[in-house]
């Protein structure tokens, strides 16, 4: 699977915090799960458009 997050943006968002290298992989997996769940909810509601309420 392609990376879903931008490492530089994550690092910027966390300001002066250090970020462990394996954090990015874990975050990417969490984002992938969120997207899968949102797509499933949209599909269950007979929509092909994922909307904020699907999160």
N, C-alpha and C. Protein backbone atom coordinates (compact mmCIF):
# COMPACT_ATOMS: atom_id res chain seq x y z
N UNK A 1 0.84 -1.18 0.00
CA UNK A 1 0.00 0.00 0.00
C UNK A 1 0.89 1.25 0.00
N UNK A 2 0.42 2.27 -0.67
CA UNK A 2 1.16 3.52 -0.72
C UNK A 2 1.06 4.24 0.62
N UNK A 3 2.05 5.06 0.90
CA UNK A 3 1.99 5.86 2.12
C UNK A 3 0.83 6.84 2.00
N UNK A 4 0.03 6.92 3.04
CA UNK A 4 -1.13 7.80 3.04
C UNK A 4 -0.85 9.12 3.75
N UNK A 5 0.25 9.17 4.47
CA UNK A 5 0.58 10.38 5.21
C UNK A 5 1.84 11.01 4.63
N UNK A 6 2.02 12.27 4.91
CA UNK A 6 3.23 12.99 4.51
C UNK A 6 4.07 13.19 5.76
N UNK A 7 5.21 12.54 5.80
CA UNK A 7 6.04 12.57 7.01
C UNK A 7 6.40 13.98 7.44
N UNK A 8 6.73 14.83 6.48
CA UNK A 8 7.12 16.21 6.82
C UNK A 8 5.95 16.96 7.46
N UNK A 9 4.74 16.71 6.99
CA UNK A 9 3.57 17.38 7.55
C UNK A 9 3.30 16.90 8.97
N UNK A 10 3.49 15.60 9.21
CA UNK A 10 3.31 15.05 10.55
C UNK A 10 4.33 15.67 11.49
N UNK A 11 5.57 15.71 11.06
CA UNK A 11 6.64 16.29 11.89
C UNK A 11 6.34 17.76 12.20
N UNK A 12 5.88 18.51 11.20
CA UNK A 12 5.54 19.92 11.42
C UNK A 12 4.37 20.06 12.41
N UNK A 13 3.39 19.18 12.29
CA UNK A 13 2.21 19.25 13.16
C UNK A 13 2.57 18.94 14.61
N UNK A 14 3.60 18.15 14.81
CA UNK A 14 4.00 17.78 16.16
C UNK A 14 5.04 18.73 16.74
N UNK A 15 5.23 19.85 16.08
CA UNK A 15 6.10 20.94 16.54
C UNK A 15 7.48 20.48 16.98
N UNK A 16 7.79 20.66 18.23
CA UNK A 16 9.14 20.40 18.73
C UNK A 16 9.32 18.99 19.26
N UNK A 17 8.39 18.10 18.96
CA UNK A 17 8.48 16.71 19.43
C UNK A 17 9.34 15.90 18.49
N UNK A 18 10.05 14.94 19.06
CA UNK A 18 10.76 13.96 18.24
C UNK A 18 9.76 12.90 17.81
N UNK A 19 9.96 12.35 16.62
CA UNK A 19 9.04 11.34 16.09
C UNK A 19 9.84 10.07 15.80
N UNK A 20 9.45 8.97 16.43
CA UNK A 20 10.11 7.69 16.20
C UNK A 20 9.82 7.24 14.77
N UNK A 21 10.77 6.59 14.15
CA UNK A 21 10.61 6.19 12.76
C UNK A 21 9.43 5.24 12.57
N UNK A 22 9.15 4.38 13.54
CA UNK A 22 8.04 3.44 13.39
C UNK A 22 6.67 4.09 13.66
N UNK A 23 6.66 5.31 14.15
CA UNK A 23 5.41 6.04 14.38
C UNK A 23 4.68 6.26 13.06
N UNK A 24 5.42 6.60 12.01
CA UNK A 24 4.81 6.90 10.72
C UNK A 24 4.07 5.68 10.17
N UNK A 25 4.64 4.52 10.30
CA UNK A 25 4.00 3.29 9.83
C UNK A 25 2.72 3.02 10.61
N UNK A 26 2.77 3.19 11.92
CA UNK A 26 1.59 2.97 12.75
C UNK A 26 0.49 3.98 12.40
N UNK A 27 0.87 5.23 12.19
CA UNK A 27 -0.11 6.25 11.83
C UNK A 27 -0.71 5.95 10.46
N UNK A 28 0.11 5.52 9.53
CA UNK A 28 -0.36 5.17 8.20
C UNK A 28 -1.39 4.04 8.26
N UNK A 29 -1.15 3.06 9.13
CA UNK A 29 -2.09 1.95 9.29
C UNK A 29 -3.42 2.44 9.88
N UNK A 30 -3.35 3.35 10.85
CA UNK A 30 -4.57 3.91 11.44
C UNK A 30 -5.38 4.67 10.40
N UNK A 31 -4.71 5.44 9.57
CA UNK A 31 -5.39 6.21 8.52
C UNK A 31 -6.03 5.25 7.53
N UNK A 32 -5.34 4.18 7.16
CA UNK A 32 -5.88 3.20 6.24
C UNK A 32 -7.15 2.57 6.81
N UNK A 33 -7.16 2.27 8.09
CA UNK A 33 -8.35 1.70 8.74
C UNK A 33 -9.51 2.70 8.72
N UNK A 34 -9.22 3.96 9.00
CA UNK A 34 -10.26 4.99 8.96
C UNK A 34 -10.88 5.08 7.57
N UNK A 35 -10.05 5.04 6.54
CA UNK A 35 -10.54 5.13 5.17
C UNK A 35 -11.38 3.93 4.79
N UNK A 36 -10.94 2.74 5.18
CA UNK A 36 -11.70 1.53 4.90
C UNK A 36 -13.06 1.58 5.58
N UNK A 37 -13.09 2.00 6.84
CA UNK A 37 -14.35 2.10 7.57
C UNK A 37 -15.29 3.13 6.93
N UNK A 38 -14.74 4.26 6.53
CA UNK A 38 -15.55 5.30 5.91
C UNK A 38 -16.13 4.81 4.59
N UNK A 39 -15.32 4.12 3.80
CA UNK A 39 -15.80 3.60 2.52
C UNK A 39 -16.89 2.55 2.74
N UNK A 40 -16.73 1.73 3.76
CA UNK A 40 -17.73 0.71 4.07
C UNK A 40 -19.06 1.36 4.46
N UNK A 41 -18.99 2.40 5.31
CA UNK A 41 -20.21 3.08 5.74
C UNK A 41 -20.92 3.75 4.56
N UNK A 42 -20.15 4.38 3.69
CA UNK A 42 -20.76 5.01 2.51
C UNK A 42 -21.43 3.96 1.64
N UNK A 43 -20.75 2.85 1.44
CA UNK A 43 -21.30 1.76 0.63
C UNK A 43 -22.57 1.19 1.26
N UNK A 44 -22.57 1.02 2.56
CA UNK A 44 -23.75 0.50 3.26
C UNK A 44 -24.95 1.44 3.13
N UNK A 45 -24.68 2.71 2.88
CA UNK A 45 -25.74 3.69 2.71
C UNK A 45 -26.00 3.97 1.22
N UNK A 46 -25.58 3.04 0.38
CA UNK A 46 -25.80 3.13 -1.07
C UNK A 46 -25.24 4.41 -1.68
N UNK A 47 -24.08 4.82 -1.18
CA UNK A 47 -23.41 6.00 -1.75
C UNK A 47 -22.03 5.60 -2.25
N UNK A 48 -21.58 6.29 -3.30
CA UNK A 48 -20.22 6.11 -3.78
C UNK A 48 -19.34 7.28 -3.36
N UNK A 49 -19.95 8.23 -2.68
CA UNK A 49 -19.22 9.40 -2.21
C UNK A 49 -19.01 9.27 -0.69
N UNK A 50 -17.77 9.29 -0.28
CA UNK A 50 -17.45 9.26 1.14
C UNK A 50 -17.59 10.67 1.68
N UNK A 51 -18.33 10.81 2.77
CA UNK A 51 -18.61 12.11 3.34
C UNK A 51 -18.07 12.18 4.76
N UNK A 52 -17.93 13.39 5.30
CA UNK A 52 -17.39 13.53 6.66
C UNK A 52 -18.13 12.69 7.69
N UNK A 53 -19.42 12.54 7.53
CA UNK A 53 -20.18 11.76 8.50
C UNK A 53 -19.80 10.28 8.51
N UNK A 54 -19.10 9.83 7.47
CA UNK A 54 -18.65 8.44 7.43
C UNK A 54 -17.46 8.18 8.33
N UNK A 55 -16.83 9.23 8.80
CA UNK A 55 -15.72 9.06 9.72
C UNK A 55 -16.25 8.78 11.11
